[in-house]
Amino acid sequence: MKLGAMKSQLPGSLSEVDAAFCYAANLGWDAREALAPMGERAVVEDNLEQLVSKIVATARPGDHILVMSNGGFGGIHDKLLAALAR
């Protein structure tokens, strides 16, 4: 995904999600443009703290949150768990 080779397939692959959040810093391709067909269901942020805040503001008890990455990207797992626990 970092190279953007499959970016045109993202909206279709996410068609059944209620919301998709994308950390776009250092991607090398325009995630906002790629996810635009999803409308308001796609949130794209270049700032990790803002992304975590938006996920937490959207999440409700019983929701499932799936984090997919090629690495820890800035410790999002721990940041998200800590923010959700508050």
PDB file of N, CA and C in Angstrom:
ATOM      1  N   MET A   1       0.813  -1.199   0.000  1.00  0.00           N
ATOM      2  CA  MET A   1       0.000   0.000   0.000  1.00  0.00           C
ATOM      3  C   MET A   1       0.856   1.263   0.000  1.00  0.00           C
ATOM      4  N   LYS A   2       2.005   1.209   0.616  1.00  0.00           N
ATOM      5  CA  LYS A   2       2.810   2.421   0.704  1.00  0.00           C
ATOM      6  C   LYS A   2       3.157   2.972  -0.677  1.00  0.00           C
ATOM      7  N   LEU A   3       3.296   2.103  -1.666  1.00  0.00           N
ATOM      8  CA  LEU A   3       3.622   2.548  -3.018  1.00  0.00           C
ATOM      9  C   LEU A   3       2.387   3.026  -3.788  1.00  0.00           C
ATOM     10  N   GLY A   4       1.200   2.687  -3.304  1.00  0.00           N
ATOM     11  CA  GLY A   4      -0.029   3.129  -3.951  1.00  0.00           C
ATOM     12  C   GLY A   4      -0.464   2.276  -5.125  1.00  0.00           C
ATOM     13  N   ALA A   5       0.159   1.130  -5.307  1.00  0.00           N
ATOM     14  CA  ALA A   5      -0.160   0.283  -6.454  1.00  0.00           C
ATOM     15  C   ALA A   5      -1.616  -0.178  -6.452  1.00  0.00           C
ATOM     16  N   MET A   6      -2.213  -0.319  -5.296  1.00  0.00           N
ATOM     17  CA  MET A   6      -3.585  -0.818  -5.188  1.00  0.00           C
ATOM     18  C   MET A   6      -4.569   0.267  -4.741  1.00  0.00           C
ATOM     19  N   LYS A   7      -4.150   1.523  -4.771  1.00  0.00           N
ATOM     20  CA  LYS A   7      -4.984   2.600  -4.223  1.00  0.00           C
ATOM     21  C   LYS A   7      -6.343   2.711  -4.896  1.00  0.00           C
ATOM     22  N   SER A   8      -6.436   2.407  -6.168  1.00  0.00           N
ATOM     23  CA  SER A   8      -7.726   2.509  -6.856  1.00  0.00           C
ATOM     24  C   SER A   8      -8.715   1.453  -6.383  1.00  0.00           C
ATOM     25  N   GLN A   9      -8.215   0.409  -5.747  1.00  0.00           N
ATOM     26  CA  GLN A   9      -9.080  -0.659  -5.254  1.00  0.00           C
ATOM     27  C   GLN A   9      -9.516  -0.452  -3.800  1.00  0.00           C
ATOM     28  N   LEU A  10      -8.962   0.546  -3.147  1.00  0.00           N
ATOM     29  CA  LEU A  10      -9.291   0.781  -1.736  1.00  0.00           C
ATOM     30  C   LEU A  10     -10.776   1.028  -1.485  1.00  0.00           C
ATOM     31  N   PRO A  11     -11.414   1.966  -2.190  1.00  0.00           N
ATOM     32  CA  PRO A  11     -12.833   2.204  -1.892  1.00  0.00           C
ATOM     33  C   PRO A  11     -13.690   0.946  -2.020  1.00  0.00           C
ATOM     34  N   GLY A  12     -13.454   0.148  -3.018  1.00  0.00           N
ATOM     35  CA  GLY A  12     -14.211  -1.089  -3.176  1.00  0.00           C
ATOM     36  C   GLY A  12     -13.946  -2.088  -2.074  1.00  0.00           C
ATOM     37  N   SER A  13     -12.694  -2.180  -1.638  1.00  0.00           N
ATOM     38  CA  SER A  13     -12.350  -3.137  -0.585  1.00  0.00           C
ATOM     39  C   SER A  13     -12.883  -2.702   0.773  1.00  0.00           C
ATOM     40  N   LEU A  14     -13.204  -1.433   0.902  1.00  0.00           N
ATOM     41  CA  LEU A  14     -13.730  -0.902   2.160  1.00  0.00           C
ATOM     42  C   LEU A  14     -15.227  -0.606   2.077  1.00  0.00           C
ATOM     43  N   SER A  15     -15.879  -1.116   1.062  1.00  0.00           N
ATOM     44  CA  SER A  15     -17.279  -0.769   0.806  1.00  0.00           C
ATOM     45  C   SER A  15     -18.234  -1.150   1.938  1.00  0.00           C
ATOM     46  N   GLU A  16     -17.889  -2.125   2.746  1.00  0.00           N
ATOM     47  CA  GLU A  16     -18.798  -2.560   3.804  1.00  0.00           C
ATOM     48  C   GLU A  16     -18.492  -1.981   5.183  1.00  0.00           C
ATOM     49  N   VAL A  17     -17.474  -1.129   5.279  1.00  0.00           N
ATOM     50  CA  VAL A  17     -17.149  -0.549   6.581  1.00  0.00           C
ATOM     51  C   VAL A  17     -18.006   0.683   6.853  1.00  0.00           C
ATOM     52  N   ASP A  18     -18.263   0.927   8.127  1.00  0.00           N
ATOM     53  CA  ASP A  18     -18.988   2.131   8.514  1.00  0.00           C
ATOM     54  C   ASP A  18     -18.110   3.361   8.382  1.00  0.00           C
ATOM     55  N   ALA A  19     -16.817   3.172   8.672  1.00  0.00           N
ATOM     56  CA  ALA A  19     -15.863   4.274   8.595  1.00  0.00           C
ATOM     57  C   ALA A  19     -14.471   3.704   8.362  1.00  0.00           C
ATOM     58  N   ALA A  20     -13.669   4.447   7.628  1.00  0.00           N
ATOM     59  CA  ALA A  20     -12.271   4.079   7.388  1.00  0.00           C
ATOM     60  C   ALA A  20     -11.407   5.289   7.725  1.00  0.00           C
ATOM     61  N   PHE A  21     -10.335   5.047   8.457  1.00  0.00           N
ATOM     62  CA  PHE A  21      -9.417   6.103   8.869  1.00  0.00           C
ATOM     63  C   PHE A  21      -8.048   5.777   8.286  1.00  0.00           C
ATOM     64  N   CYS A  22      -7.446   6.752   7.645  1.00  0.00           N
ATOM     65  CA  CYS A  22      -6.174   6.526   6.964  1.00  0.00           C
ATOM     66  C   CYS A  22      -5.128   7.526   7.460  1.00  0.00           C
ATOM     67  N   TYR A  23      -3.995   7.008   7.867  1.00  0.00           N
ATOM     68  CA  TYR A  23      -2.846   7.851   8.234  1.00  0.00           C
ATOM     69  C   TYR A  23      -2.031   8.047   6.967  1.00  0.00           C
ATOM     70  N   ALA A  24      -2.033   9.252   6.454  1.00  0.00           N
ATOM     71  CA  ALA A  24      -1.479   9.518   5.128  1.00  0.00           C
ATOM     72  C   ALA A  24      -0.075  10.110   5.118  1.00  0.00           C
ATOM     73  N   ALA A  25       0.519  10.329   6.278  1.00  0.00           N
ATOM     74  CA  ALA A  25       1.855  10.932   6.314  1.00  0.00           C
ATOM     75  C   ALA A  25       2.857  10.049   5.588  1.00  0.00           C
ATOM     76  N   ASN A  26       3.626  10.638   4.733  1.00  0.00           N
ATOM     77  CA  ASN A  26       4.724   9.964   4.024  1.00  0.00           C
ATOM     78  C   ASN A  26       4.284   8.830   3.102  1.00  0.00           C
ATOM     79  N   LEU A  27       3.062   8.874   2.606  1.00  0.00           N
ATOM     80  CA  LEU A  27       2.604   7.817   1.708  1.00  0.00           C
ATOM     81  C   LEU A  27       3.229   7.907   0.317  1.00  0.00           C
ATOM     82  N   GLY A  28       3.344   9.102  -0.200  1.00  0.00           N
ATOM     83  CA  GLY A  28       3.866   9.251  -1.554  1.00  0.00           C
ATOM     84  C   GLY A  28       2.772   9.221  -2.612  1.00  0.00           C
ATOM     85  N   TRP A  29       1.516   9.124  -2.202  1.00  0.00           N
ATOM     86  CA  TRP A  29       0.358   9.197  -3.084  1.00  0.00           C
ATOM     87  C   TRP A  29      -0.783   9.849  -2.305  1.00  0.00           C
ATOM     88  N   ASP A  30      -1.792  10.311  -2.998  1.00  0.00           N
ATOM     89  CA  ASP A  30      -2.859  11.095  -2.386  1.00  0.00           C
ATOM     90  C   ASP A  30      -3.985  10.195  -1.867  1.00  0.00           C
ATOM     91  N   ALA A  31      -3.960   9.931  -0.573  1.00  0.00           N
ATOM     92  CA  ALA A  31      -4.979   9.076   0.034  1.00  0.00           C
ATOM     93  C   ALA A  31      -6.350   9.737   0.010  1.00  0.00           C
ATOM     94  N   ARG A  32      -6.393  11.050   0.147  1.00  0.00           N
ATOM     95  CA  ARG A  32      -7.685  11.754   0.105  1.00  0.00           C
ATOM     96  C   ARG A  32      -8.364  11.540  -1.247  1.00  0.00           C
ATOM     97  N   GLU A  33      -7.589  11.667  -2.287  1.00  0.00           N
ATOM     98  CA  GLU A  33      -8.124  11.455  -3.636  1.00  0.00           C
ATOM     99  C   GLU A  33      -8.564  10.002  -3.828  1.00  0.00           C
ATOM    100  N   ALA A  34      -7.745   9.070  -3.393  1.00  0.00           N
ATOM    101  CA  ALA A  34      -8.056   7.648  -3.562  1.00  0.00           C
ATOM    102  C   ALA A  34      -9.314   7.242  -2.804  1.00  0.00           C
ATOM    103  N   LEU A  35      -9.519   7.817  -1.613  1.00  0.00           N
ATOM    104  CA  LEU A  35     -10.657   7.446  -0.780  1.00  0.00           C
ATOM    105  C   LEU A  35     -11.871   8.353  -0.973  1.00  0.00           C
ATOM    106  N   ALA A  36     -11.759   9.346  -1.829  1.00  0.00           N
ATOM    107  CA  ALA A  36     -12.857  10.287  -2.076  1.00  0.00           C
ATOM    108  C   ALA A  36     -14.174   9.606  -2.449  1.00  0.00           C
ATOM    109  N   PRO A  37     -14.162   8.509  -3.214  1.00  0.00           N
ATOM    110  CA  PRO A  37     -15.432   7.855  -3.533  1.00  0.00           C
ATOM    111  C   PRO A  37     -16.207   7.370  -2.295  1.00  0.00           C
ATOM    112  N   MET A  38     -15.553   7.265  -1.159  1.00  0.00           N
ATOM    113  CA  MET A  38     -16.215   6.824   0.069  1.00  0.00           C
ATOM    114  C   MET A  38     -16.950   7.958   0.767  1.00  0.00           C
ATOM    115  N   GLY A  39     -16.728   9.180   0.312  1.00  0.00           N
ATOM    116  CA  GLY A  39     -17.388  10.327   0.935  1.00  0.00           C
ATOM    117  C   GLY A  39     -16.973  10.506   2.379  1.00  0.00           C
ATOM    118  N   GLU A  40     -17.965  10.825   3.225  1.00  0.00           N
ATOM    119  CA  GLU A  40     -17.695  11.112   4.633  1.00  0.00           C
ATOM    120  C   GLU A  40     -17.308   9.877   5.442  1.00  0.00           C
ATOM    121  N   ARG A  41     -17.435   8.692   4.867  1.00  0.00           N
ATOM    122  CA  ARG A  41     -17.041   7.473   5.590  1.00  0.00           C
ATOM    123  C   ARG A  41     -15.520   7.326   5.659  1.00  0.00           C
ATOM    124  N   ALA A  42     -14.789   8.110   4.872  1.00  0.00           N
ATOM    125  CA  ALA A  42     -13.320   8.053   4.886  1.00  0.00           C
ATOM    126  C   ALA A  42     -12.757   9.303   5.543  1.00  0.00           C
ATOM    127  N   VAL A  43     -11.880   9.093   6.495  1.00  0.00           N
ATOM    128  CA  VAL A  43     -11.185  10.178   7.176  1.00  0.00           C
ATOM    129  C   VAL A  43      -9.700   9.982   6.930  1.00  0.00           C
ATOM    130  N   VAL A  44      -9.055  11.003   6.409  1.00  0.00           N
ATOM    131  CA  VAL A  44      -7.621  10.930   6.109  1.00  0.00           C
ATOM    132  C   VAL A  44      -6.915  12.016   6.900  1.00  0.00           C
ATOM    133  N   GLU A  45      -5.874  11.646   7.611  1.00  0.00           N
ATOM    134  CA  GLU A  45      -5.099  12.587   8.425  1.00  0.00           C
ATOM    135  C   GLU A  45      -3.608  12.366   8.210  1.00  0.00           C
ATOM    136  N   ASP A  46      -2.858  13.463   8.222  1.00  0.00           N
ATOM    137  CA  ASP A  46      -1.406  13.414   8.160  1.00  0.00           C
ATOM    138  C   ASP A  46      -0.796  13.458   9.562  1.00  0.00           C
ATOM    139  N   ASN A  47      -1.604  13.806  10.538  1.00  0.00           N
ATOM    140  CA  ASN A  47      -1.158  13.923  11.921  1.00  0.00           C
ATOM    141  C   ASN A  47      -1.723  12.755  12.725  1.00  0.00           C
ATOM    142  N   LEU A  48      -0.859  11.957  13.305  1.00  0.00           N
ATOM    143  CA  LEU A  48      -1.281  10.745  14.000  1.00  0.00           C
ATOM    144  C   LEU A  48      -2.164  11.037  15.203  1.00  0.00           C
ATOM    145  N   GLU A  49      -1.829  12.058  15.982  1.00  0.00           N
ATOM    146  CA  GLU A  49      -2.636  12.384  17.159  1.00  0.00           C
ATOM    147  C   GLU A  49      -4.042  12.804  16.750  1.00  0.00           C
ATOM    148  N   GLN A  50      -4.154  13.570  15.673  1.00  0.00           N
ATOM    149  CA  GLN A  50      -5.477  13.975  15.184  1.00  0.00           C
ATOM    150  C   GLN A  50      -6.258  12.768  14.684  1.00  0.00           C
ATOM    151  N   LEU A  51      -5.580  11.831  14.030  1.00  0.00           N
ATOM    152  CA  LEU A  51      -6.250  10.627  13.553  1.00  0.00           C
ATOM    153  C   LEU A  51      -6.791   9.817  14.730  1.00  0.00           C
ATOM    154  N   VAL A  52      -5.971   9.615  15.747  1.00  0.00           N
ATOM    155  CA  VAL A  52      -6.403   8.873  16.939  1.00  0.00           C
ATOM    156  C   VAL A  52      -7.605   9.575  17.572  1.00  0.00           C
ATOM    157  N   SER A  53      -7.553  10.892  17.679  1.00  0.00           N
ATOM    158  CA  SER A  53      -8.668  11.652  18.262  1.00  0.00           C
ATOM    159  C   SER A  53      -9.953  11.453  17.467  1.00  0.00           C
ATOM    160  N   LYS A  54      -9.850  11.432  16.166  1.00  0.00           N
ATOM    161  CA  LYS A  54     -11.034  11.257  15.325  1.00  0.00           C
ATOM    162  C   LYS A  54     -11.586   9.832  15.432  1.00  0.00           C
ATOM    163  N   ILE A  55     -10.705   8.869  15.540  1.00  0.00           N
ATOM    164  CA  ILE A  55     -11.171   7.484  15.721  1.00  0.00           C
ATOM    165  C   ILE A  55     -11.918   7.366  17.043  1.00  0.00           C
ATOM    166  N   VAL A  56     -11.325   7.894  18.105  1.00  0.00           N
ATOM    167  CA  VAL A  56     -11.926   7.819  19.436  1.00  0.00           C
ATOM    168  C   VAL A  56     -13.262   8.565  19.473  1.00  0.00           C
ATOM    169  N   ALA A  57     -13.342   9.703  18.812  1.00  0.00           N
ATOM    170  CA  ALA A  57     -14.583  10.479  18.796  1.00  0.00           C
ATOM    171  C   ALA A  57     -15.695   9.751  18.047  1.00  0.00           C
ATOM    172  N   THR A  58     -15.331   8.913  17.103  1.00  0.00           N
ATOM    173  CA  THR A  58     -16.303   8.191  16.282  1.00  0.00           C
ATOM    174  C   THR A  58     -16.709   6.859  16.901  1.00  0.00           C
ATOM    175  N   ALA A  59     -15.785   6.210  17.581  1.00  0.00           N
ATOM    176  CA  ALA A  59     -16.023   4.862  18.122  1.00  0.00           C
ATOM    177  C   ALA A  59     -17.089   4.862  19.209  1.00  0.00           C
ATOM    178  N   ARG A  60     -17.866   3.794  19.209  1.00  0.00           N
ATOM    179  CA  ARG A  60     -18.916   3.595  20.209  1.00  0.00           C
ATOM    180  C   ARG A  60     -18.727   2.222  20.847  1.00  0.00           C
ATOM    181  N   PRO A  61     -19.228   2.028  22.065  1.00  0.00           N
ATOM    182  CA  PRO A  61     -19.119   0.706  22.703  1.00  0.00           C
ATOM    183  C   PRO A  61     -19.658  -0.379  21.771  1.00  0.00           C
ATOM    184  N   GLY A  62     -18.904  -1.463  21.673  1.00  0.00           N
ATOM    185  CA  GLY A  62     -19.297  -2.572  20.816  1.00  0.00           C
ATOM    186  C   GLY A  62     -18.718  -2.507  19.415  1.00  0.00           C
ATOM    187  N   ASP A  63     -18.135  -1.378  19.045  1.00  0.00           N
ATOM    188  CA  ASP A  63     -17.506  -1.259  17.723  1.00  0.00           C
ATOM    189  C   ASP A  63     -16.260  -2.131  17.649  1.00  0.00           C
ATOM    190  N   HIS A  64     -15.925  -2.543  16.451  1.00  0.00           N
ATOM    191  CA  HIS A  64     -14.688  -3.262  16.186  1.00  0.00           C
ATOM    192  C   HIS A  64     -13.772  -2.315  15.423  1.00  0.00           C
ATOM    193  N   ILE A  65     -12.551  -2.175  15.899  1.00  0.00           N
ATOM    194  CA  ILE A  65     -11.568  -1.314  15.246  1.00  0.00           C
ATOM    195  C   ILE A  65     -10.420  -2.194  14.784  1.00  0.00           C
ATOM    196  N   LEU A  66     -10.164  -2.178  13.510  1.00  0.00           N
ATOM    197  CA  LEU A  66      -9.086  -2.959  12.911  1.00  0.00           C
ATOM    198  C   LEU A  66      -7.985  -2.001  12.487  1.00  0.00           C
ATOM    199  N   VAL A  67      -6.779  -2.224  12.977  1.00  0.00           N
ATOM    200  CA  VAL A  67      -5.627  -1.410  12.589  1.00  0.00           C
ATOM    201  C   VAL A  67      -4.767  -2.258  11.660  1.00  0.00           C
ATOM    202  N   MET A  68      -4.590  -1.778  10.448  1.00  0.00           N
ATOM    203  CA  MET A  68      -3.744  -2.485   9.482  1.00  0.00           C
ATOM    204  C   MET A  68      -2.568  -1.590   9.129  1.00  0.00           C
ATOM    205  N   SER A  69      -1.378  -2.145   9.265  1.00  0.00           N
ATOM    206  CA  SER A  69      -0.185  -1.373   8.932  1.00  0.00           C
ATOM    207  C   SER A  69       0.969  -2.315   8.631  1.00  0.00           C
ATOM    208  N   ASN A  70       1.989  -1.750   8.021  1.00  0.00           N
ATOM    209  CA  ASN A  70       3.219  -2.502   7.753  1.00  0.00           C
ATOM    210  C   ASN A  70       4.182  -2.387   8.921  1.00  0.00           C
ATOM    211  N   GLY A  71       3.771  -1.694   9.947  1.00  0.00           N
ATOM    212  CA  GLY A  71       4.613  -1.476  11.109  1.00  0.00           C
ATOM    213  C   GLY A  71       3.788  -0.825  12.200  1.00  0.00           C
ATOM    214  N   GLY A  72       4.442  -0.243  13.163  1.00  0.00           N
ATOM    215  CA  GLY A  72       3.738   0.363  14.279  1.00  0.00           C
ATOM    216  C   GLY A  72       3.241   1.761  14.027  1.00  0.00           C
ATOM    217  N   PHE A  73       3.523   2.318  12.923  1.00  0.00           N
ATOM    218  CA  PHE A  73       3.387   3.713  12.569  1.00  0.00           C
ATOM    219  C   PHE A  73       3.080   4.638  13.726  1.00  0.00           C
ATOM    220  N   GLY A  74       4.182   4.984  14.385  1.00  0.00           N
ATOM    221  CA  GLY A  74       4.113   5.976  15.453  1.00  0.00           C
ATOM    222  C   GLY A  74       3.482   5.483  16.737  1.00  0.00           C
ATOM    223  N   GLY A  75       3.385   4.188  16.912  1.00  0.00           N
ATOM    224  CA  GLY A  75       2.796   3.657  18.136  1.00  0.00           C
ATOM    225  C   GLY A  75       1.285   3.784  18.192  1.00  0.00           C
ATOM    226  N   ILE A  76       0.627   3.757  17.039  1.00  0.00           N
ATOM    227  CA  ILE A  76      -0.823   3.963  17.012  1.00  0.00           C
ATOM    228  C   ILE A  76      -1.574   2.961  17.879  1.00  0.00           C
ATOM    229  N   HIS A  77      -1.099   1.742  17.951  1.00  0.00           N
ATOM    230  CA  HIS A  77      -1.816   0.728  18.727  1.00  0.00           C
ATOM    231  C   HIS A  77      -1.936   1.155  20.189  1.00  0.00           C
ATOM    232  N   ASP A  78      -0.819   1.511  20.801  1.00  0.00           N
ATOM    233  CA  ASP A  78      -0.824   1.933  22.205  1.00  0.00           C
ATOM    234  C   ASP A  78      -1.564   3.251  22.383  1.00  0.00           C
ATOM    235  N   LYS A  79      -1.373   4.192  21.469  1.00  0.00           N
ATOM    236  CA  LYS A  79      -2.059   5.492  21.568  1.00  0.00           C
ATOM    237  C   LYS A  79      -3.566   5.315  21.479  1.00  0.00           C
ATOM    238  N   LEU A  80      -4.003   4.480  20.598  1.00  0.00           N
ATOM    239  CA  LEU A  80      -5.429   4.249  20.420  1.00  0.00           C
ATOM    240  C   LEU A  80      -6.025   3.534  21.633  1.00  0.00           C
ATOM    241  N   LEU A  81      -5.345   2.514  22.133  1.00  0.00           N
ATOM    242  CA  LEU A  81      -5.829   1.808  23.316  1.00  0.00           C
ATOM    243  C   LEU A  81      -5.900   2.728  24.527  1.00  0.00           C
ATOM    244  N   ALA A  82      -4.887   3.561  24.710  1.00  0.00           N
ATOM    245  CA  ALA A  82      -4.877   4.493  25.843  1.00  0.00           C
ATOM    246  C   ALA A  82      -6.008   5.514  25.723  1.00  0.00           C
ATOM    247  N   ALA A  83      -6.194   6.032  24.544  1.00  0.00           N
ATOM    248  CA  ALA A  83      -7.253   7.048  24.339  1.00  0.00           C
ATOM    249  C   ALA A  83      -8.643   6.433  24.514  1.00  0.00           C
ATOM    250  N   LEU A  84      -8.830   5.213  24.067  1.00  0.00           N
ATOM    251  CA  LEU A  84     -10.137   4.556  24.208  1.00  0.00           C
ATOM    252  C   LEU A  84     -10.432   4.192  25.662  1.00  0.00           C
ATOM    253  N   ALA A  85      -9.389   3.973  26.458  1.00  0.00           N
ATOM    254  CA  ALA A  85      -9.572   3.607  27.862  1.00  0.00           C
ATOM    255  C   ALA A  85      -9.995   4.786  28.731  1.00  0.00           C
ATOM    256  N   ARG A  86      -9.804   6.011  28.233  1.00  0.00           N
ATOM    257  CA  ARG A  86     -10.152   7.199  29.028  1.00  0.00           C
ATOM    258  C   ARG A  86     -11.630   7.407  29.109  1.00  0.00           C
TER     259      ARG A  86
END
